[in-house]
Every structure is written in structure tokens, then in C-alpha cells.
PDB file of N, CA and C in Angstrom:
ATOM      1  N   MET A   1     -16.304-111.305 -27.777  1.00  0.00           N
ATOM      2  CA  MET A   1     -16.862-110.575 -26.923  1.00  0.00           C
ATOM      3  C   MET A   1     -15.882-110.165 -26.350  1.00  0.00           C
ATOM      4  N   GLN A   2     -14.823-110.050 -25.953  1.00  0.00           N
ATOM      5  CA  GLN A   2     -13.387-109.487 -25.399  1.00  0.00           C
ATOM      6  C   GLN A   2     -13.127-107.453 -26.420  1.00  0.00           C
ATOM      7  N   HIS A   3     -13.179-108.347 -27.102  1.00  0.00           N
ATOM      8  CA  HIS A   3     -13.147-107.205 -28.407  1.00  0.00           C
ATOM      9  C   HIS A   3     -13.932-106.058 -28.131  1.00  0.00           C
ATOM     10  N   LEU A   4     -15.686-106.336 -28.031  1.00  0.00           N
ATOM     11  CA  LEU A   4     -16.762-105.374 -27.993  1.00  0.00           C
ATOM     12  C   LEU A   4     -16.478-105.098 -26.421  1.00  0.00           C
ATOM     13  N   LYS A   5     -16.295-105.358 -25.483  1.00  0.00           N
ATOM     14  CA  LYS A   5     -15.879-105.034 -24.186  1.00  0.00           C
ATOM     15  C   LYS A   5     -14.726-104.046 -24.196  1.00  0.00           C
ATOM     16  N   LEU A   6     -13.475-104.249 -25.072  1.00  0.00           N
ATOM     17  CA  LEU A   6     -12.067-103.152 -24.776  1.00  0.00           C
ATOM     18  C   LEU A   6     -12.728-102.335 -25.796  1.00  0.00           C
ATOM     19  N   THR A   7     -13.510-102.375 -26.862  1.00  0.00           N
ATOM     20  CA  THR A   7     -14.364-101.100 -27.102  1.00  0.00           C
ATOM     21  C   THR A   7     -14.642-100.229 -27.014  1.00  0.00           C
ATOM     22  N   VAL A   8     -16.017-101.214 -26.300  1.00  0.00           N
ATOM     23  CA  VAL A   8     -16.386 -99.912 -24.918  1.00  0.00           C
ATOM     24  C   VAL A   8     -15.993 -99.321 -24.231  1.00  0.00           C
ATOM     25  N   LEU A   9     -15.025 -99.762 -23.870  1.00  0.00           N
ATOM     26  CA  LEU A   9     -14.098 -98.863 -23.204  1.00  0.00           C
ATOM     27  C   LEU A   9     -13.476 -98.223 -23.095  1.00  0.00           C
ATOM     28  N   ILE A  10     -13.254 -98.332 -23.888  1.00  0.00           N
ATOM     29  CA  ILE A  10     -11.979 -96.996 -25.274  1.00  0.00           C
ATOM     30  C   ILE A  10     -12.973 -95.951 -25.484  1.00  0.00           C
ATOM     31  N   LEU A  11     -13.799 -96.562 -25.819  1.00  0.00           N
ATOM     32  CA  LEU A  11     -14.964 -95.419 -26.509  1.00  0.00           C
ATOM     33  C   LEU A  11     -15.353 -94.389 -25.352  1.00  0.00           C
ATOM     34  N   ALA A  12     -15.604 -95.090 -23.900  1.00  0.00           N
ATOM     35  CA  ALA A  12     -16.215 -94.592 -23.012  1.00  0.00           C
ATOM     36  C   ALA A  12     -15.383 -93.859 -22.433  1.00  0.00           C
ATOM     37  N   LEU A  13     -13.774 -93.816 -22.588  1.00  0.00           N
ATOM     38  CA  LEU A  13     -12.458 -93.440 -22.059  1.00  0.00           C
ATOM     39  C   LEU A  13     -12.706 -92.309 -23.109  1.00  0.00           C
ATOM     40  N   MET A  14     -12.440 -92.109 -24.123  1.00  0.00           N
ATOM     41  CA  MET A  14     -12.537 -91.316 -25.114  1.00  0.00           C
ATOM     42  C   MET A  14     -13.578 -90.133 -24.607  1.00  0.00           C
ATOM     43  N   LEU A  15     -14.856 -90.706 -24.878  1.00  0.00           N
ATOM     44  CA  LEU A  15     -15.882 -89.448 -24.534  1.00  0.00           C
ATOM     45  C   LEU A  15     -15.915 -88.922 -23.254  1.00  0.00           C
ATOM     46  N   ASN A  16     -15.523 -89.411 -22.316  1.00  0.00           N
ATOM     47  CA  ASN A  16     -14.464 -88.829 -21.073  1.00  0.00           C
ATOM     48  C   ASN A  16     -13.487 -87.577 -20.793  1.00  0.00           C
ATOM     49  N   PHE A  17     -12.466 -87.998 -21.760  1.00  0.00           N
ATOM     50  CA  PHE A  17     -10.979 -87.273 -21.898  1.00  0.00           C
ATOM     51  C   PHE A  17     -11.826 -86.342 -22.800  1.00  0.00           C
ATOM     52  N   ASN A  18     -12.861 -86.259 -24.100  1.00  0.00           N
ATOM     53  CA  ASN A  18     -13.349 -85.050 -24.484  1.00  0.00           C
ATOM     54  C   ASN A  18     -14.227 -84.205 -23.407  1.00  0.00           C
ATOM     55  N   ALA A  19     -14.535 -84.719 -22.762  1.00  0.00           N
ATOM     56  CA  ALA A  19     -15.437 -84.134 -21.796  1.00  0.00           C
ATOM     57  C   ALA A  19     -15.002 -82.793 -21.270  1.00  0.00           C
ATOM     58  N   THR A  20     -13.948 -83.482 -20.520  1.00  0.00           N
ATOM     59  CA  THR A  20     -12.827 -82.841 -19.731  1.00  0.00           C
ATOM     60  C   THR A  20     -11.934 -82.263 -20.344  1.00  0.00           C
ATOM     61  N   ALA A  21     -11.638 -82.331 -21.666  1.00  0.00           N
ATOM     62  CA  ALA A  21     -10.738 -81.417 -22.282  1.00  0.00           C
ATOM     63  C   ALA A  21     -11.803 -80.030 -22.568  1.00  0.00           C
ATOM     64  N   ARG A  22     -13.019 -80.178 -23.033  1.00  0.00           N
ATOM     65  CA  ARG A  22     -14.269 -78.718 -23.045  1.00  0.00           C
ATOM     66  C   ARG A  22     -14.153 -78.464 -21.907  1.00  0.00           C
ATOM     67  N   ARG A  23     -13.888 -78.839 -21.008  1.00  0.00           N
ATOM     68  CA  ARG A  23     -14.176 -78.105 -19.898  1.00  0.00           C
ATOM     69  C   ARG A  23     -13.167 -77.360 -19.470  1.00  0.00           C
ATOM     70  N   GLU A  24     -11.832 -77.622 -19.362  1.00  0.00           N
ATOM     71  CA  GLU A  24     -10.780 -77.154 -19.215  1.00  0.00           C
ATOM     72  C   GLU A  24     -10.835 -76.206 -20.128  1.00  0.00           C
ATOM     73  N   GLY A  25     -10.858 -76.323 -21.568  1.00  0.00           N
ATOM     74  CA  GLY A  25     -10.906 -75.543 -22.370  1.00  0.00           C
ATOM     75  C   GLY A  25     -11.973 -74.181 -21.758  1.00  0.00           C
ATOM     76  N   GLN A  26     -13.092 -74.307 -22.034  1.00  0.00           N
ATOM     77  CA  GLN A  26     -13.836 -73.317 -21.542  1.00  0.00           C
ATOM     78  C   GLN A  26     -13.387 -72.586 -20.401  1.00  0.00           C
ATOM     79  N   ALA A  27     -12.851 -73.316 -19.316  1.00  0.00           N
ATOM     80  CA  ALA A  27     -12.137 -72.787 -18.527  1.00  0.00           C
ATOM     81  C   ALA A  27     -11.174 -71.785 -18.574  1.00  0.00           C
ATOM     82  N   LYS A  28     -10.175 -71.779 -19.359  1.00  0.00           N
ATOM     83  CA  LYS A  28      -8.954 -71.471 -20.335  1.00  0.00           C
ATOM     84  C   LYS A  28      -9.671 -70.050 -21.078  1.00  0.00           C
ATOM     85  N   ILE A  29     -11.243 -70.678 -21.528  1.00  0.00           N
ATOM     86  CA  ILE A  29     -11.526 -69.405 -22.728  1.00  0.00           C
ATOM     87  C   ILE A  29     -12.024 -67.961 -21.769  1.00  0.00           C
ATOM     88  N   ASP A  30     -12.522 -68.766 -20.423  1.00  0.00           N
ATOM     89  CA  ASP A  30     -13.721 -67.658 -19.238  1.00  0.00           C
ATOM     90  C   ASP A  30     -12.400 -66.558 -18.793  1.00  0.00           C
ATOM     91  N   SER A  31     -11.549 -67.632 -18.392  1.00  0.00           N
ATOM     92  CA  SER A  31     -10.409 -66.881 -18.066  1.00  0.00           C
ATOM     93  C   SER A  31      -9.385 -65.738 -18.458  1.00  0.00           C
ATOM     94  N   LEU A  32      -9.153 -65.793 -20.453  1.00  0.00           N
ATOM     95  CA  LEU A  32      -8.834 -65.270 -21.007  1.00  0.00           C
ATOM     96  C   LEU A  32      -9.638 -63.636 -21.563  1.00  0.00           C
ATOM     97  N   LEU A  33     -11.217 -64.135 -21.473  1.00  0.00           N
ATOM     98  CA  LEU A  33     -12.043 -62.999 -22.098  1.00  0.00           C
ATOM     99  C   LEU A  33     -12.271 -62.168 -20.329  1.00  0.00           C
ATOM    100  N   GLN A  34     -11.852 -62.627 -18.828  1.00  0.00           N
ATOM    101  CA  GLN A  34     -12.532 -61.696 -18.170  1.00  0.00           C
ATOM    102  C   GLN A  34     -10.727 -60.507 -18.060  1.00  0.00           C
ATOM    103  N   GLU A  35      -9.610 -61.362 -18.586  1.00  0.00           N
ATOM    104  CA  GLU A  35      -8.179 -60.586 -18.814  1.00  0.00           C
ATOM    105  C   GLU A  35      -8.659 -59.068 -19.955  1.00  0.00           C
ATOM    106  N   ILE A  36      -9.003 -58.885 -21.463  1.00  0.00           N
ATOM    107  CA  ILE A  36      -9.664 -58.401 -21.546  1.00  0.00           C
ATOM    108  C   ILE A  36      -9.717 -57.253 -21.519  1.00  0.00           C
ATOM    109  N   PRO A  37     -10.934 -57.188 -20.776  1.00  0.00           N
ATOM    110  CA  PRO A  37     -11.207 -55.817 -20.274  1.00  0.00           C
ATOM    111  C   PRO A  37     -10.160 -54.846 -19.858  1.00  0.00           C
ATOM    112  N   HIS A  38      -9.136 -55.846 -18.664  1.00  0.00           N
ATOM    113  CA  HIS A  38      -8.327 -55.330 -18.114  1.00  0.00           C
ATOM    114  C   HIS A  38      -7.056 -54.919 -18.559  1.00  0.00           C
ATOM    115  N   ALA A  39      -6.895 -55.722 -19.978  1.00  0.00           N
ATOM    116  CA  ALA A  39      -5.611 -55.394 -20.283  1.00  0.00           C
ATOM    117  C   ALA A  39      -4.856 -53.483 -20.741  1.00  0.00           C
ATOM    118  N   LYS A  40      -3.831 -53.631 -20.562  1.00  0.00           N
ATOM    119  CA  LYS A  40      -3.387 -52.398 -20.449  1.00  0.00           C
ATOM    120  C   LYS A  40      -2.916 -51.347 -21.586  1.00  0.00           C
ATOM    121  N   ASN A  41      -3.063 -52.191 -22.676  1.00  0.00           N
ATOM    122  CA  ASN A  41      -2.970 -51.396 -24.302  1.00  0.00           C
ATOM    123  C   ASN A  41      -3.533 -52.302 -24.840  1.00  0.00           C
ATOM    124  N   ASP A  42      -3.659 -51.583 -26.514  1.00  0.00           N
ATOM    125  CA  ASP A  42      -4.070 -52.884 -27.301  1.00  0.00           C
ATOM    126  C   ASP A  42      -3.422 -54.039 -27.952  1.00  0.00           C
ATOM    127  N   SER A  43      -2.557 -53.602 -27.593  1.00  0.00           N
ATOM    128  CA  SER A  43      -1.474 -55.267 -28.068  1.00  0.00           C
ATOM    129  C   SER A  43      -1.807 -56.122 -27.106  1.00  0.00           C
ATOM    130  N   GLN A  44      -1.759 -56.082 -25.932  1.00  0.00           N
ATOM    131  CA  GLN A  44      -2.502 -56.959 -25.593  1.00  0.00           C
ATOM    132  C   GLN A  44      -3.697 -57.513 -25.317  1.00  0.00           C
ATOM    133  N   LYS A  45      -4.090 -56.749 -25.726  1.00  0.00           N
ATOM    134  CA  LYS A  45      -6.043 -56.831 -26.364  1.00  0.00           C
ATOM    135  C   LYS A  45      -6.075 -57.913 -26.985  1.00  0.00           C
ATOM    136  N   VAL A  46      -5.009 -57.784 -28.683  1.00  0.00           N
ATOM    137  CA  VAL A  46      -4.865 -58.280 -29.451  1.00  0.00           C
ATOM    138  C   VAL A  46      -4.367 -59.618 -29.323  1.00  0.00           C
ATOM    139  N   ILE A  47      -3.698 -59.310 -28.547  1.00  0.00           N
ATOM    140  CA  ILE A  47      -2.834 -61.249 -27.507  1.00  0.00           C
ATOM    141  C   ILE A  47      -3.773 -62.126 -26.956  1.00  0.00           C
ATOM    142  N   LEU A  48      -4.370 -61.094 -26.140  1.00  0.00           N
ATOM    143  CA  LEU A  48      -5.640 -61.566 -25.425  1.00  0.00           C
ATOM    144  C   LEU A  48      -6.550 -62.610 -26.479  1.00  0.00           C
ATOM    145  N   THR A  49      -7.101 -61.573 -27.266  1.00  0.00           N
ATOM    146  CA  THR A  49      -8.197 -61.917 -28.067  1.00  0.00           C
ATOM    147  C   THR A  49      -8.201 -63.086 -29.343  1.00  0.00           C
ATOM    148  N   ALA A  50      -6.719 -62.881 -30.076  1.00  0.00           N
ATOM    149  CA  ALA A  50      -6.219 -64.231 -30.761  1.00  0.00           C
ATOM    150  C   ALA A  50      -5.712 -65.168 -29.640  1.00  0.00           C
ATOM    151  N   ALA A  51      -5.520 -65.224 -28.431  1.00  0.00           N
ATOM    152  CA  ALA A  51      -5.475 -66.519 -27.685  1.00  0.00           C
ATOM    153  C   ALA A  51      -7.009 -66.844 -27.523  1.00  0.00           C
ATOM    154  N   VAL A  52      -8.286 -65.893 -27.381  1.00  0.00           N
ATOM    155  CA  VAL A  52      -9.377 -66.611 -27.024  1.00  0.00           C
ATOM    156  C   VAL A  52      -9.875 -67.746 -28.451  1.00  0.00           C
ATOM    157  N   SER A  53      -9.302 -67.176 -29.567  1.00  0.00           N
ATOM    158  CA  SER A  53      -9.553 -67.351 -31.118  1.00  0.00           C
ATOM    159  C   SER A  53      -8.956 -68.669 -30.886  1.00  0.00           C
ATOM    160  N   LEU A  54      -8.057 -68.996 -30.803  1.00  0.00           N
ATOM    161  CA  LEU A  54      -7.717 -70.526 -30.710  1.00  0.00           C
ATOM    162  C   LEU A  54      -7.968 -71.176 -29.871  1.00  0.00           C
ATOM    163  N   GLN A  55      -8.125 -70.553 -28.604  1.00  0.00           N
ATOM    164  CA  GLN A  55      -8.705 -71.751 -27.748  1.00  0.00           C
ATOM    165  C   GLN A  55     -10.187 -72.223 -27.863  1.00  0.00           C
ATOM    166  N   LEU A  56     -10.593 -70.972 -29.259  1.00  0.00           N
ATOM    167  CA  LEU A  56     -12.555 -71.955 -29.525  1.00  0.00           C
ATOM    168  C   LEU A  56     -12.495 -72.981 -30.659  1.00  0.00           C
ATOM    169  N   GLN A  57     -11.292 -72.587 -31.271  1.00  0.00           N
ATOM    170  CA  GLN A  57     -11.124 -73.674 -32.607  1.00  0.00           C
ATOM    171  C   GLN A  57     -11.733 -74.764 -31.899  1.00  0.00           C
ATOM    172  N   ALA A  58     -11.228 -75.908 -30.851  1.00  0.00           N
ATOM    173  CA  ALA A  58     -12.005 -77.110 -30.745  1.00  0.00           C
ATOM    174  C   ALA A  58     -13.262 -77.072 -30.216  1.00  0.00           C
ATOM    175  N   VAL A  59     -13.688 -75.934 -29.278  1.00  0.00           N
ATOM    176  CA  VAL A  59     -14.831 -76.219 -28.774  1.00  0.00           C
ATOM    177  C   VAL A  59     -16.141 -75.244 -29.692  1.00  0.00           C
ATOM    178  N   ASN A  60     -15.754 -74.415 -30.803  1.00  0.00           N
ATOM    179  CA  ASN A  60     -16.710 -73.630 -31.124  1.00  0.00           C
ATOM    180  C   ASN A  60     -15.910 -72.579 -32.218  1.00  0.00           C
ATOM    181  N   PRO A  61     -15.783 -73.640 -33.504  1.00  0.00           N
ATOM    182  CA  PRO A  61     -14.752 -72.578 -34.473  1.00  0.00           C
ATOM    183  C   PRO A  61     -16.019 -71.434 -34.825  1.00  0.00           C
ATOM    184  N   ASP A  62     -16.664 -71.085 -35.154  1.00  0.00           N
ATOM    185  CA  ASP A  62     -17.237 -70.400 -35.193  1.00  0.00           C
ATOM    186  C   ASP A  62     -17.173 -68.914 -34.691  1.00  0.00           C
ATOM    187  N   GLU A  63     -17.532 -69.073 -33.693  1.00  0.00           N
ATOM    188  CA  GLU A  63     -16.914 -68.737 -32.751  1.00  0.00           C
ATOM    189  C   GLU A  63     -15.617 -67.654 -32.634  1.00  0.00           C
ATOM    190  N   GLY A  64     -14.755 -68.969 -32.896  1.00  0.00           N
ATOM    191  CA  GLY A  64     -13.294 -68.648 -32.945  1.00  0.00           C
ATOM    192  C   GLY A  64     -12.610 -67.713 -34.524  1.00  0.00           C
ATOM    193  N   ILE A  65     -13.799 -68.009 -35.405  1.00  0.00           N
ATOM    194  CA  ILE A  65     -13.461 -66.709 -35.948  1.00  0.00           C
ATOM    195  C   ILE A  65     -13.528 -66.000 -35.633  1.00  0.00           C
ATOM    196  N   LYS A  66     -15.086 -65.763 -34.725  1.00  0.00           N
ATOM    197  CA  LYS A  66     -15.267 -64.109 -34.740  1.00  0.00           C
ATOM    198  C   LYS A  66     -14.290 -63.491 -34.066  1.00  0.00           C
ATOM    199  N   TYR A  67     -13.756 -64.140 -32.993  1.00  0.00           N
ATOM    200  CA  TYR A  67     -12.851 -63.566 -32.376  1.00  0.00           C
ATOM    201  C   TYR A  67     -11.182 -63.070 -33.071  1.00  0.00           C
ATOM    202  N   GLY A  68     -11.075 -64.215 -33.728  1.00  0.00           N
ATOM    203  CA  GLY A  68     -10.042 -64.025 -34.883  1.00  0.00           C
ATOM    204  C   GLY A  68     -10.305 -62.578 -35.965  1.00  0.00           C
ATOM    205  N   LYS A  69     -11.074 -62.724 -36.132  1.00  0.00           N
ATOM    206  CA  LYS A  69     -11.521 -61.132 -36.525  1.00  0.00           C
ATOM    207  C   LYS A  69     -11.838 -59.936 -36.114  1.00  0.00           C
ATOM    208  N   GLN A  70     -12.185 -60.287 -34.715  1.00  0.00           N
ATOM    209  CA  GLN A  70     -11.775 -59.106 -33.487  1.00  0.00           C
ATOM    210  C   GLN A  70     -10.095 -59.020 -33.061  1.00  0.00           C
ATOM    211  N   ALA A  71      -9.673 -59.932 -33.297  1.00  0.00           N
ATOM    212  CA  ALA A  71      -8.222 -59.763 -33.143  1.00  0.00           C
ATOM    213  C   ALA A  71      -7.338 -59.180 -34.362  1.00  0.00           C
ATOM    214  N   TRP A  72      -7.579 -59.484 -35.387  1.00  0.00           N
ATOM    215  CA  TRP A  72      -7.267 -58.469 -36.885  1.00  0.00           C
ATOM    216  C   TRP A  72      -7.692 -57.013 -36.663  1.00  0.00           C
ATOM    217  N   LEU A  73      -8.776 -56.846 -36.381  1.00  0.00           N
ATOM    218  CA  LEU A  73      -9.272 -55.423 -36.571  1.00  0.00           C
ATOM    219  C   LEU A  73      -8.480 -54.752 -35.639  1.00  0.00           C
ATOM    220  N   LEU A  74      -8.544 -55.323 -34.298  1.00  0.00           N
ATOM    221  CA  LEU A  74      -7.887 -54.770 -33.400  1.00  0.00           C
ATOM    222  C   LEU A  74      -6.147 -54.275 -33.560  1.00  0.00           C
ATOM    223  N   GLN A  75      -6.090 -55.491 -34.693  1.00  0.00           N
ATOM    224  CA  GLN A  75      -4.222 -54.958 -34.416  1.00  0.00           C
ATOM    225  C   GLN A  75      -4.042 -54.134 -36.149  1.00  0.00           C
ATOM    226  N   LYS A  76      -5.349 -53.411 -36.721  1.00  0.00           N
ATOM    227  CA  LYS A  76      -5.085 -52.694 -37.479  1.00  0.00           C
ATOM    228  C   LYS A  76      -5.462 -51.556 -37.207  1.00  0.00           C
ATOM    229  N   ALA A  77      -6.073 -51.142 -36.201  1.00  0.00           N
ATOM    230  CA  ALA A  77      -6.306 -49.964 -35.412  1.00  0.00           C
ATOM    231  C   ALA A  77      -5.540 -48.894 -35.221  1.00  0.00           C
TER     232      ALA A  77
END
């Protein structure tokens, strides 16, 4: 029974950690997205867009790929 309680406790802690990490990750993504329109040049836009892509890997990989492609297209322009 002790083993089961410990397992449940560990699982609850992991789920809480995951939820916290997602909230913090989303806050970072939102911050980066707000900076993109104010970037002074294309290089900064590429860097910020690529950073959004990297942050999205853990939260929403498909969206991360979308931003990664945007960053690549920006750097080619």
C-alpha cells in the first residue's frame, strides 16, 4: 500500500510540474510573439520567430514547425 501511495504522489507531482512548465512556457511564447512586430530589423525578427518555434516544441509541435518555417523564410528574404 505504501508503494501505491508513493506512486500516486509522484504522479501528482509530475502532473503539477508539467502544468506549471506549460504555463511558464506559454508566458514566454506570448512575450516573444509580442516582441516580433517591434523588432527593428529582419535579423531580430528571424531570431524571435525561431525562439518562438523552439519554445513551442514542448507545447504544440505543429505550431512550432509553422514558426520554424516562417523564420527560415524570413532569413532567406
